[in-house]
Amino acid sequence: MAFYELRQYHVRPGKMDEWVKIIEEEIIPFQVSKGMVICGSFRGETDESVYVWLRRFNSEAEREAQYIAVYESEYWKTQIAPRVRACLDREKMVVTRIVPTPHSTVQ
């Protein structure tokens, strides 16, 4: 059964616009090119520190392979990771694995 990662990030003050540009123009396209399924990307409506996104995986083996393809790549390590740290407070990041309920519209 497919499962999802609900990823909740705390964006540093004044960095939301920069973060949204990086994630939408670089991170999401890069991760999709490695096979990840991105289901949604959201910013807080009134709280400029809130950013949330949702990724779907068909199996743990798929998730592991995609993590390696993304996070162990030179592109991620040299081009993306330094800018992520500049925009996000990674200590406040929360990643929750979730599964759809039987009547959920997303399966």
PDB file of N, CA and C in Angstrom:
ATOM      1  N   MET A   1       0.833  -1.182   0.000  1.00  0.00           N
ATOM      2  CA  MET A   1       0.000   0.000   0.000  1.00  0.00           C
ATOM      3  C   MET A   1       0.880   1.249   0.000  1.00  0.00           C
ATOM      4  N   ALA A   2       0.466   2.210  -0.748  1.00  0.00           N
ATOM      5  CA  ALA A   2       1.204   3.477  -0.796  1.00  0.00           C
ATOM      6  C   ALA A   2       1.141   4.168   0.555  1.00  0.00           C
ATOM      7  N   PHE A   3       2.182   4.930   0.837  1.00  0.00           N
ATOM      8  CA  PHE A   3       2.185   5.771   2.026  1.00  0.00           C
ATOM      9  C   PHE A   3       2.709   7.139   1.636  1.00  0.00           C
ATOM     10  N   TYR A   4       2.520   8.074   2.514  1.00  0.00           N
ATOM     11  CA  TYR A   4       2.868   9.466   2.254  1.00  0.00           C
ATOM     12  C   TYR A   4       3.813   9.974   3.314  1.00  0.00           C
ATOM     13  N   GLU A   5       4.587  10.979   2.949  1.00  0.00           N
ATOM     14  CA  GLU A   5       5.357  11.752   3.910  1.00  0.00           C
ATOM     15  C   GLU A   5       4.738  13.142   3.968  1.00  0.00           C
ATOM     16  N   LEU A   6       4.290  13.524   5.133  1.00  0.00           N
ATOM     17  CA  LEU A   6       3.839  14.883   5.381  1.00  0.00           C
ATOM     18  C   LEU A   6       5.041  15.602   5.978  1.00  0.00           C
ATOM     19  N   ARG A   7       5.614  16.526   5.221  1.00  0.00           N
ATOM     20  CA  ARG A   7       6.843  17.197   5.630  1.00  0.00           C
ATOM     21  C   ARG A   7       6.509  18.640   6.012  1.00  0.00           C
ATOM     22  N   GLN A   8       6.750  18.984   7.273  1.00  0.00           N
ATOM     23  CA  GLN A   8       6.429  20.303   7.812  1.00  0.00           C
ATOM     24  C   GLN A   8       7.731  21.020   8.168  1.00  0.00           C
ATOM     25  N   TYR A   9       7.921  22.180   7.569  1.00  0.00           N
ATOM     26  CA  TYR A   9       9.168  22.926   7.745  1.00  0.00           C
ATOM     27  C   TYR A   9       8.906  24.273   8.398  1.00  0.00           C
ATOM     28  N   HIS A  10       9.904  24.732   9.130  1.00  0.00           N
ATOM     29  CA  HIS A  10       9.894  26.073   9.717  1.00  0.00           C
ATOM     30  C   HIS A  10      10.853  26.935   8.890  1.00  0.00           C
ATOM     31  N   VAL A  11      10.289  27.911   8.180  1.00  0.00           N
ATOM     32  CA  VAL A  11      11.085  28.777   7.308  1.00  0.00           C
ATOM     33  C   VAL A  11      11.635  29.935   8.137  1.00  0.00           C
ATOM     34  N   ARG A  12      12.910  30.232   7.913  1.00  0.00           N
ATOM     35  CA  ARG A  12      13.557  31.329   8.642  1.00  0.00           C
ATOM     36  C   ARG A  12      12.892  32.666   8.292  1.00  0.00           C
ATOM     37  N   PRO A  13      12.909  33.620   9.226  1.00  0.00           N
ATOM     38  CA  PRO A  13      12.283  34.930   8.978  1.00  0.00           C
ATOM     39  C   PRO A  13      12.798  35.576   7.688  1.00  0.00           C
ATOM     40  N   GLY A  14      11.866  36.061   6.883  1.00  0.00           N
ATOM     41  CA  GLY A  14      12.203  36.759   5.647  1.00  0.00           C
ATOM     42  C   GLY A  14      12.638  35.872   4.503  1.00  0.00           C
ATOM     43  N   LYS A  15      12.564  34.551   4.651  1.00  0.00           N
ATOM     44  CA  LYS A  15      13.076  33.631   3.631  1.00  0.00           C
ATOM     45  C   LYS A  15      11.990  32.885   2.854  1.00  0.00           C
ATOM     46  N   MET A  16      10.708  33.128   3.136  1.00  0.00           N
ATOM     47  CA  MET A  16       9.654  32.340   2.503  1.00  0.00           C
ATOM     48  C   MET A  16       9.665  32.466   0.983  1.00  0.00           C
ATOM     49  N   ASP A  17       9.715  33.674   0.454  1.00  0.00           N
ATOM     50  CA  ASP A  17       9.688  33.822  -1.007  1.00  0.00           C
ATOM     51  C   ASP A  17      10.883  33.121  -1.652  1.00  0.00           C
ATOM     52  N   GLU A  18      12.055  33.260  -1.055  1.00  0.00           N
ATOM     53  CA  GLU A  18      13.253  32.585  -1.567  1.00  0.00           C
ATOM     54  C   GLU A  18      13.063  31.067  -1.506  1.00  0.00           C
ATOM     55  N   TRP A  19      12.529  30.574  -0.382  1.00  0.00           N
ATOM     56  CA  TRP A  19      12.321  29.136  -0.225  1.00  0.00           C
ATOM     57  C   TRP A  19      11.338  28.602  -1.272  1.00  0.00           C
ATOM     58  N   VAL A  20      10.203  29.275  -1.457  1.00  0.00           N
ATOM     59  CA  VAL A  20       9.207  28.812  -2.423  1.00  0.00           C
ATOM     60  C   VAL A  20       9.805  28.785  -3.829  1.00  0.00           C
ATOM     61  N   LYS A  21      10.591  29.769  -4.173  1.00  0.00           N
ATOM     62  CA  LYS A  21      11.244  29.789  -5.486  1.00  0.00           C
ATOM     63  C   LYS A  21      12.178  28.582  -5.640  1.00  0.00           C
ATOM     64  N   ILE A  22      12.999  28.312  -4.632  1.00  0.00           N
ATOM     65  CA  ILE A  22      13.937  27.180  -4.693  1.00  0.00           C
ATOM     66  C   ILE A  22      13.185  25.858  -4.795  1.00  0.00           C
ATOM     67  N   ILE A  23      12.194  25.677  -3.946  1.00  0.00           N
ATOM     68  CA  ILE A  23      11.516  24.373  -3.942  1.00  0.00           C
ATOM     69  C   ILE A  23      10.698  24.156  -5.206  1.00  0.00           C
ATOM     70  N   GLU A  24      10.022  25.202  -5.684  1.00  0.00           N
ATOM     71  CA  GLU A  24       9.180  25.011  -6.865  1.00  0.00           C
ATOM     72  C   GLU A  24       9.969  24.963  -8.169  1.00  0.00           C
ATOM     73  N   GLU A  25      11.053  25.713  -8.251  1.00  0.00           N
ATOM     74  CA  GLU A  25      11.804  25.770  -9.514  1.00  0.00           C
ATOM     75  C   GLU A  25      12.957  24.781  -9.583  1.00  0.00           C
ATOM     76  N   GLU A  26      13.434  24.310  -8.426  1.00  0.00           N
ATOM     77  CA  GLU A  26      14.583  23.406  -8.444  1.00  0.00           C
ATOM     78  C   GLU A  26      14.353  22.086  -7.723  1.00  0.00           C
ATOM     79  N   ILE A  27      13.938  22.145  -6.458  1.00  0.00           N
ATOM     80  CA  ILE A  27      13.862  20.922  -5.658  1.00  0.00           C
ATOM     81  C   ILE A  27      12.788  19.979  -6.180  1.00  0.00           C
ATOM     82  N   ILE A  28      11.567  20.465  -6.340  1.00  0.00           N
ATOM     83  CA  ILE A  28      10.505  19.576  -6.800  1.00  0.00           C
ATOM     84  C   ILE A  28      10.812  19.015  -8.189  1.00  0.00           C
ATOM     85  N   PRO A  29      11.198  19.836  -9.175  1.00  0.00           N
ATOM     86  CA  PRO A  29      11.533  19.242 -10.476  1.00  0.00           C
ATOM     87  C   PRO A  29      12.674  18.207 -10.389  1.00  0.00           C
ATOM     88  N   PHE A  30      13.678  18.493  -9.582  1.00  0.00           N
ATOM     89  CA  PHE A  30      14.788  17.549  -9.430  1.00  0.00           C
ATOM     90  C   PHE A  30      14.302  16.241  -8.820  1.00  0.00           C
ATOM     91  N   GLN A  31      13.512  16.323  -7.752  1.00  0.00           N
ATOM     92  CA  GLN A  31      13.033  15.105  -7.109  1.00  0.00           C
ATOM     93  C   GLN A  31      12.089  14.323  -8.029  1.00  0.00           C
ATOM     94  N   VAL A  32      11.240  15.012  -8.746  1.00  0.00           N
ATOM     95  CA  VAL A  32      10.359  14.338  -9.710  1.00  0.00           C
ATOM     96  C   VAL A  32      11.193  13.629 -10.778  1.00  0.00           C
ATOM     97  N   SER A  33      12.281  14.247 -11.212  1.00  0.00           N
ATOM     98  CA  SER A  33      13.146  13.613 -12.217  1.00  0.00           C
ATOM     99  C   SER A  33      13.779  12.326 -11.697  1.00  0.00           C
ATOM    100  N   LYS A  34      13.844  12.177 -10.380  1.00  0.00           N
ATOM    101  CA  LYS A  34      14.396  10.970  -9.761  1.00  0.00           C
ATOM    102  C   LYS A  34      13.305   9.973  -9.391  1.00  0.00           C
ATOM    103  N   GLY A  35      12.055  10.269  -9.767  1.00  0.00           N
ATOM    104  CA  GLY A  35      10.956   9.338  -9.564  1.00  0.00           C
ATOM    105  C   GLY A  35      10.022   9.643  -8.412  1.00  0.00           C
ATOM    106  N   MET A  36      10.291  10.674  -7.634  1.00  0.00           N
ATOM    107  CA  MET A  36       9.404  10.994  -6.504  1.00  0.00           C
ATOM    108  C   MET A  36       8.083  11.555  -7.006  1.00  0.00           C
ATOM    109  N   VAL A  37       7.035  11.267  -6.263  1.00  0.00           N
ATOM    110  CA  VAL A  37       5.708  11.790  -6.561  1.00  0.00           C
ATOM    111  C   VAL A  37       5.400  12.858  -5.509  1.00  0.00           C
ATOM    112  N   ILE A  38       5.293  14.094  -5.955  1.00  0.00           N
ATOM    113  CA  ILE A  38       4.987  15.216  -5.076  1.00  0.00           C
ATOM    114  C   ILE A  38       3.495  15.501  -5.229  1.00  0.00           C
ATOM    115  N   CYS A  39       2.759  15.378  -4.137  1.00  0.00           N
ATOM    116  CA  CYS A  39       1.296  15.521  -4.182  1.00  0.00           C
ATOM    117  C   CYS A  39       0.822  16.932  -3.887  1.00  0.00           C
ATOM    118  N   GLY A  40       1.634  17.719  -3.222  1.00  0.00           N
ATOM    119  CA  GLY A  40       1.205  19.070  -2.904  1.00  0.00           C
ATOM    120  C   GLY A  40       2.301  19.849  -2.210  1.00  0.00           C
ATOM    121  N   SER A  41       2.222  21.158  -2.351  1.00  0.00           N
ATOM    122  CA  SER A  41       3.186  22.088  -1.776  1.00  0.00           C
ATOM    123  C   SER A  41       2.397  23.288  -1.257  1.00  0.00           C
ATOM    124  N   PHE A  42       2.603  23.653   0.009  1.00  0.00           N
ATOM    125  CA  PHE A  42       1.772  24.672   0.643  1.00  0.00           C
ATOM    126  C   PHE A  42       2.604  25.600   1.530  1.00  0.00           C
ATOM    127  N   ARG A  43       2.201  26.858   1.579  1.00  0.00           N
ATOM    128  CA  ARG A  43       2.779  27.792   2.527  1.00  0.00           C
ATOM    129  C   ARG A  43       1.671  28.251   3.465  1.00  0.00           C
ATOM    130  N   GLY A  44       2.067  28.704   4.655  1.00  0.00           N
ATOM    131  CA  GLY A  44       1.071  29.181   5.596  1.00  0.00           C
ATOM    132  C   GLY A  44       0.317  30.376   5.047  1.00  0.00           C
ATOM    133  N   GLU A  45      -0.973  30.416   5.281  1.00  0.00           N
ATOM    134  CA  GLU A  45      -1.776  31.530   4.790  1.00  0.00           C
ATOM    135  C   GLU A  45      -1.448  32.816   5.539  1.00  0.00           C
ATOM    136  N   THR A  46      -1.264  32.722   6.846  1.00  0.00           N
ATOM    137  CA  THR A  46      -0.976  33.914   7.642  1.00  0.00           C
ATOM    138  C   THR A  46       0.340  33.810   8.399  1.00  0.00           C
ATOM    139  N   ASP A  47       0.906  32.626   8.487  1.00  0.00           N
ATOM    140  CA  ASP A  47       2.156  32.415   9.215  1.00  0.00           C
ATOM    141  C   ASP A  47       3.290  32.203   8.213  1.00  0.00           C
ATOM    142  N   GLU A  48       4.156  33.183   8.085  1.00  0.00           N
ATOM    143  CA  GLU A  48       5.257  33.141   7.106  1.00  0.00           C
ATOM    144  C   GLU A  48       6.352  32.130   7.457  1.00  0.00           C
ATOM    145  N   SER A  49       6.202  31.420   8.575  1.00  0.00           N
ATOM    146  CA  SER A  49       7.206  30.410   8.919  1.00  0.00           C
ATOM    147  C   SER A  49       6.763  29.001   8.537  1.00  0.00           C
ATOM    148  N   VAL A  50       5.531  28.842   8.047  1.00  0.00           N
ATOM    149  CA  VAL A  50       4.970  27.519   7.786  1.00  0.00           C
ATOM    150  C   VAL A  50       5.084  27.149   6.313  1.00  0.00           C
ATOM    151  N   TYR A  51       5.724  26.008   6.054  1.00  0.00           N
ATOM    152  CA  TYR A  51       5.742  25.413   4.721  1.00  0.00           C
ATOM    153  C   TYR A  51       5.509  23.916   4.914  1.00  0.00           C
ATOM    154  N   VAL A  52       4.608  23.350   4.102  1.00  0.00           N
ATOM    155  CA  VAL A  52       4.259  21.936   4.196  1.00  0.00           C
ATOM    156  C   VAL A  52       4.208  21.359   2.789  1.00  0.00           C
ATOM    157  N   TRP A  53       4.709  20.130   2.647  1.00  0.00           N
ATOM    158  CA  TRP A  53       4.515  19.440   1.377  1.00  0.00           C
ATOM    159  C   TRP A  53       4.286  17.968   1.620  1.00  0.00           C
ATOM    160  N   LEU A  54       3.793  17.296   0.578  1.00  0.00           N
ATOM    161  CA  LEU A  54       3.370  15.918   0.698  1.00  0.00           C
ATOM    162  C   LEU A  54       3.975  15.115  -0.451  1.00  0.00           C
ATOM    163  N   ARG A  55       4.636  14.000  -0.081  1.00  0.00           N
ATOM    164  CA  ARG A  55       5.207  13.106  -1.093  1.00  0.00           C
ATOM    165  C   ARG A  55       4.612  11.712  -0.910  1.00  0.00           C
ATOM    166  N   ARG A  56       4.451  10.976  -2.028  1.00  0.00           N
ATOM    167  CA  ARG A  56       3.871   9.627  -1.993  1.00  0.00           C
ATOM    168  C   ARG A  56       4.893   8.599  -2.452  1.00  0.00           C
ATOM    169  N   PHE A  57       4.891   7.459  -1.773  1.00  0.00           N
ATOM    170  CA  PHE A  57       5.770   6.346  -2.121  1.00  0.00           C
ATOM    171  C   PHE A  57       4.928   5.074  -2.194  1.00  0.00           C
ATOM    172  N   ASN A  58       5.246   4.211  -3.140  1.00  0.00           N
ATOM    173  CA  ASN A  58       4.515   2.950  -3.284  1.00  0.00           C
ATOM    174  C   ASN A  58       5.002   1.870  -2.336  1.00  0.00           C
ATOM    175  N   SER A  59       6.254   1.996  -1.862  1.00  0.00           N
ATOM    176  CA  SER A  59       6.819   0.994  -0.960  1.00  0.00           C
ATOM    177  C   SER A  59       8.029   1.586  -0.251  1.00  0.00           C
ATOM    178  N   GLU A  60       8.450   0.920   0.786  1.00  0.00           N
ATOM    179  CA  GLU A  60       9.649   1.354   1.504  1.00  0.00           C
ATOM    180  C   GLU A  60      10.880   1.215   0.609  1.00  0.00           C
ATOM    181  N   ALA A  61      10.928   0.164  -0.188  1.00  0.00           N
ATOM    182  CA  ALA A  61      12.067  -0.022  -1.099  1.00  0.00           C
ATOM    183  C   ALA A  61      12.147   1.135  -2.097  1.00  0.00           C
ATOM    184  N   GLU A  62      11.006   1.575  -2.607  1.00  0.00           N
ATOM    185  CA  GLU A  62      10.986   2.712  -3.524  1.00  0.00           C
ATOM    186  C   GLU A  62      11.475   3.979  -2.825  1.00  0.00           C
ATOM    187  N   ARG A  63      10.994   4.214  -1.607  1.00  0.00           N
ATOM    188  CA  ARG A  63      11.413   5.401  -0.860  1.00  0.00           C
ATOM    189  C   ARG A  63      12.920   5.395  -0.643  1.00  0.00           C
ATOM    190  N   GLU A  64      13.458   4.262  -0.230  1.00  0.00           N
ATOM    191  CA  GLU A  64      14.895   4.162   0.018  1.00  0.00           C
ATOM    192  C   GLU A  64      15.695   4.456  -1.252  1.00  0.00           C
ATOM    193  N   ALA A  65      15.282   3.889  -2.374  1.00  0.00           N
ATOM    194  CA  ALA A  65      15.997   4.108  -3.636  1.00  0.00           C
ATOM    195  C   ALA A  65      15.926   5.573  -4.060  1.00  0.00           C
ATOM    196  N   GLN A  66      14.771   6.189  -3.895  1.00  0.00           N
ATOM    197  CA  GLN A  66      14.634   7.587  -4.277  1.00  0.00           C
ATOM    198  C   GLN A  66      15.412   8.508  -3.343  1.00  0.00           C
ATOM    199  N   TYR A  67      15.454   8.189  -2.066  1.00  0.00           N
ATOM    200  CA  TYR A  67      16.273   8.971  -1.133  1.00  0.00           C
ATOM    201  C   TYR A  67      17.741   8.937  -1.557  1.00  0.00           C
ATOM    202  N   ILE A  68      18.229   7.762  -1.913  1.00  0.00           N
ATOM    203  CA  ILE A  68      19.622   7.642  -2.356  1.00  0.00           C
ATOM    204  C   ILE A  68      19.837   8.461  -3.624  1.00  0.00           C
ATOM    205  N   ALA A  69      18.933   8.311  -4.595  1.00  0.00           N
ATOM    206  CA  ALA A  69      19.074   9.025  -5.866  1.00  0.00           C
ATOM    207  C   ALA A  69      19.091  10.540  -5.663  1.00  0.00           C
ATOM    208  N   VAL A  70      18.315  11.039  -4.723  1.00  0.00           N
ATOM    209  CA  VAL A  70      18.239  12.478  -4.483  1.00  0.00           C
ATOM    210  C   VAL A  70      19.334  12.943  -3.530  1.00  0.00           C
ATOM    211  N   TYR A  71      19.304  12.439  -2.310  1.00  0.00           N
ATOM    212  CA  TYR A  71      20.116  13.021  -1.235  1.00  0.00           C
ATOM    213  C   TYR A  71      21.592  12.634  -1.275  1.00  0.00           C
ATOM    214  N   GLU A  72      21.930  11.594  -2.029  1.00  0.00           N
ATOM    215  CA  GLU A  72      23.338  11.239  -2.157  1.00  0.00           C
ATOM    216  C   GLU A  72      23.948  11.738  -3.465  1.00  0.00           C
ATOM    217  N   SER A  73      23.176  12.461  -4.252  1.00  0.00           N
ATOM    218  CA  SER A  73      23.704  12.988  -5.513  1.00  0.00           C
ATOM    219  C   SER A  73      24.600  14.198  -5.245  1.00  0.00           C
ATOM    220  N   GLU A  74      25.563  14.386  -6.097  1.00  0.00           N
ATOM    221  CA  GLU A  74      26.451  15.552  -5.980  1.00  0.00           C
ATOM    222  C   GLU A  74      25.671  16.850  -6.155  1.00  0.00           C
ATOM    223  N   TYR A  75      24.699  16.836  -7.055  1.00  0.00           N
ATOM    224  CA  TYR A  75      23.886  18.034  -7.278  1.00  0.00           C
ATOM    225  C   TYR A  75      23.198  18.462  -5.983  1.00  0.00           C
ATOM    226  N   TRP A  76      22.588  17.486  -5.285  1.00  0.00           N
ATOM    227  CA  TRP A  76      21.922  17.824  -4.030  1.00  0.00           C
ATOM    228  C   TRP A  76      22.933  18.352  -3.011  1.00  0.00           C
ATOM    229  N   LYS A  77      24.018  17.641  -2.859  1.00  0.00           N
ATOM    230  CA  LYS A  77      25.002  17.999  -1.821  1.00  0.00           C
ATOM    231  C   LYS A  77      25.649  19.358  -2.064  1.00  0.00           C
ATOM    232  N   THR A  78      25.925  19.681  -3.323  1.00  0.00           N
ATOM    233  CA  THR A  78      26.672  20.915  -3.595  1.00  0.00           C
ATOM    234  C   THR A  78      25.810  22.102  -3.982  1.00  0.00           C
ATOM    235  N   GLN A  79      24.678  21.840  -4.660  1.00  0.00           N
ATOM    236  CA  GLN A  79      23.861  22.944  -5.173  1.00  0.00           C
ATOM    237  C   GLN A  79      22.624  23.242  -4.334  1.00  0.00           C
ATOM    238  N   ILE A  80      22.006  22.218  -3.786  1.00  0.00           N
ATOM    239  CA  ILE A  80      20.737  22.405  -3.095  1.00  0.00           C
ATOM    240  C   ILE A  80      20.906  22.500  -1.578  1.00  0.00           C
ATOM    241  N   ALA A  81      21.551  21.536  -0.971  1.00  0.00           N
ATOM    242  CA  ALA A  81      21.624  21.460   0.495  1.00  0.00           C
ATOM    243  C   ALA A  81      22.091  22.757   1.170  1.00  0.00           C
ATOM    244  N   PRO A  82      23.119  23.433   0.663  1.00  0.00           N
ATOM    245  CA  PRO A  82      23.534  24.673   1.342  1.00  0.00           C
ATOM    246  C   PRO A  82      22.436  25.744   1.359  1.00  0.00           C
ATOM    247  N   ARG A  83      21.651  25.814   0.309  1.00  0.00           N
ATOM    248  CA  ARG A  83      20.581  26.817   0.255  1.00  0.00           C
ATOM    249  C   ARG A  83      19.390  26.402   1.114  1.00  0.00           C
ATOM    250  N   VAL A  84      19.169  25.098   1.262  1.00  0.00           N
ATOM    251  CA  VAL A  84      18.102  24.629   2.145  1.00  0.00           C
ATOM    252  C   VAL A  84      18.409  25.078   3.570  1.00  0.00           C
ATOM    253  N   ARG A  85      19.634  24.861   4.012  1.00  0.00           N
ATOM    254  CA  ARG A  85      20.028  25.248   5.375  1.00  0.00           C
ATOM    255  C   ARG A  85      19.886  26.745   5.601  1.00  0.00           C
ATOM    256  N   ALA A  86      20.089  27.548   4.565  1.00  0.00           N
ATOM    257  CA  ALA A  86      19.976  29.002   4.706  1.00  0.00           C
ATOM    258  C   ALA A  86      18.525  29.448   4.856  1.00  0.00           C
ATOM    259  N   CYS A  87      17.588  28.657   4.356  1.00  0.00           N
ATOM    260  CA  CYS A  87      16.172  29.045   4.379  1.00  0.00           C
ATOM    261  C   CYS A  87      15.365  28.388   5.497  1.00  0.00           C
ATOM    262  N   LEU A  88      15.771  27.205   5.929  1.00  0.00           N
ATOM    263  CA  LEU A  88      14.969  26.435   6.882  1.00  0.00           C
ATOM    264  C   LEU A  88      15.684  26.223   8.202  1.00  0.00           C
ATOM    265  N   ASP A  89      14.908  26.198   9.277  1.00  0.00           N
ATOM    266  CA  ASP A  89      15.413  25.765  10.581  1.00  0.00           C
ATOM    267  C   ASP A  89      15.169  24.262  10.639  1.00  0.00           C
ATOM    268  N   ARG A  90      16.181  23.493  10.265  1.00  0.00           N
ATOM    269  CA  ARG A  90      16.022  22.044  10.135  1.00  0.00           C
ATOM    270  C   ARG A  90      15.733  21.355  11.461  1.00  0.00           C
ATOM    271  N   GLU A  91      16.087  21.984  12.564  1.00  0.00           N
ATOM    272  CA  GLU A  91      15.806  21.377  13.870  1.00  0.00           C
ATOM    273  C   GLU A  91      14.316  21.356  14.175  1.00  0.00           C
ATOM    274  N   LYS A  92      13.547  22.211  13.507  1.00  0.00           N
ATOM    275  CA  LYS A  92      12.100  22.266  13.723  1.00  0.00           C
ATOM    276  C   LYS A  92      11.328  21.488  12.661  1.00  0.00           C
ATOM    277  N   MET A  93      12.040  20.828  11.762  1.00  0.00           N
ATOM    278  CA  MET A  93      11.401  20.053  10.705  1.00  0.00           C
ATOM    279  C   MET A  93      10.720  18.821  11.313  1.00  0.00           C
ATOM    280  N   VAL A  94       9.495  18.542  10.840  1.00  0.00           N
ATOM    281  CA  VAL A  94       8.752  17.361  11.278  1.00  0.00           C
ATOM    282  C   VAL A  94       8.335  16.584  10.037  1.00  0.00           C
ATOM    283  N   VAL A  95       8.727  15.314   9.985  1.00  0.00           N
ATOM    284  CA  VAL A  95       8.339  14.441   8.880  1.00  0.00           C
ATOM    285  C   VAL A  95       7.499  13.320   9.475  1.00  0.00           C
ATOM    286  N   THR A  96       6.259  13.213   8.994  1.00  0.00           N
ATOM    287  CA  THR A  96       5.338  12.208   9.496  1.00  0.00           C
ATOM    288  C   THR A  96       4.921  11.301   8.352  1.00  0.00           C
ATOM    289  N   ARG A  97       5.112  10.001   8.545  1.00  0.00           N
ATOM    290  CA  ARG A  97       4.632   9.037   7.554  1.00  0.00           C
ATOM    291  C   ARG A  97       3.177   8.755   7.854  1.00  0.00           C
ATOM    292  N   ILE A  98       2.350   8.845   6.806  1.00  0.00           N
ATOM    293  CA  ILE A  98       0.919   8.644   6.971  1.00  0.00           C
ATOM    294  C   ILE A  98       0.400   7.701   5.893  1.00  0.00           C
ATOM    295  N   VAL A  99      -0.688   7.003   6.205  1.00  0.00           N
ATOM    296  CA  VAL A  99      -1.338   6.108   5.241  1.00  0.00           C
ATOM    297  C   VAL A  99      -2.802   6.523   5.124  1.00  0.00           C
ATOM    298  N   PRO A 100      -3.370   6.386   3.927  1.00  0.00           N
ATOM    299  CA  PRO A 100      -4.770   6.784   3.759  1.00  0.00           C
ATOM    300  C   PRO A 100      -5.715   5.824   4.489  1.00  0.00           C
ATOM    301  N   THR A 101      -6.799   6.376   4.968  1.00  0.00           N
ATOM    302  CA  THR A 101      -7.849   5.558   5.569  1.00  0.00           C
ATOM    303  C   THR A 101      -8.622   4.876   4.445  1.00  0.00           C
ATOM    304  N   PRO A 102      -9.417   3.847   4.775  1.00  0.00           N
ATOM    305  CA  PRO A 102     -10.096   3.068   3.720  1.00  0.00           C
ATOM    306  C   PRO A 102     -10.947   3.897   2.751  1.00  0.00           C
ATOM    307  N   HIS A 103     -11.574   4.982   3.204  1.00  0.00           N
ATOM    308  CA  HIS A 103     -12.445   5.758   2.326  1.00  0.00           C
ATOM    309  C   HIS A 103     -11.798   7.064   1.840  1.00  0.00           C
ATOM    310  N   SER A 104     -10.509   7.198   2.058  1.00  0.00           N
ATOM    311  CA  SER A 104      -9.809   8.405   1.612  1.00  0.00           C
ATOM    312  C   SER A 104      -9.842   8.507   0.091  1.00  0.00           C
ATOM    313  N   THR A 105      -9.947   9.731  -0.409  1.00  0.00           N
ATOM    314  CA  THR A 105      -9.947   9.911  -1.866  1.00  0.00           C
ATOM    315  C   THR A 105      -8.556   9.772  -2.469  1.00  0.00           C
ATOM    316  N   VAL A 106      -7.523   9.760  -1.643  1.00  0.00           N
ATOM    317  CA  VAL A 106      -6.156   9.520  -2.134  1.00  0.00           C
ATOM    318  C   VAL A 106      -5.711   8.144  -1.638  1.00  0.00           C
ATOM    319  N   GLN A 107      -5.338   7.303  -2.560  1.00  0.00           N
ATOM    320  CA  GLN A 107      -4.908   5.939  -2.216  1.00  0.00           C
ATOM    321  C   GLN A 107      -3.531   5.674  -2.763  1.00  0.00           C
TER     322      GLN A 107
END
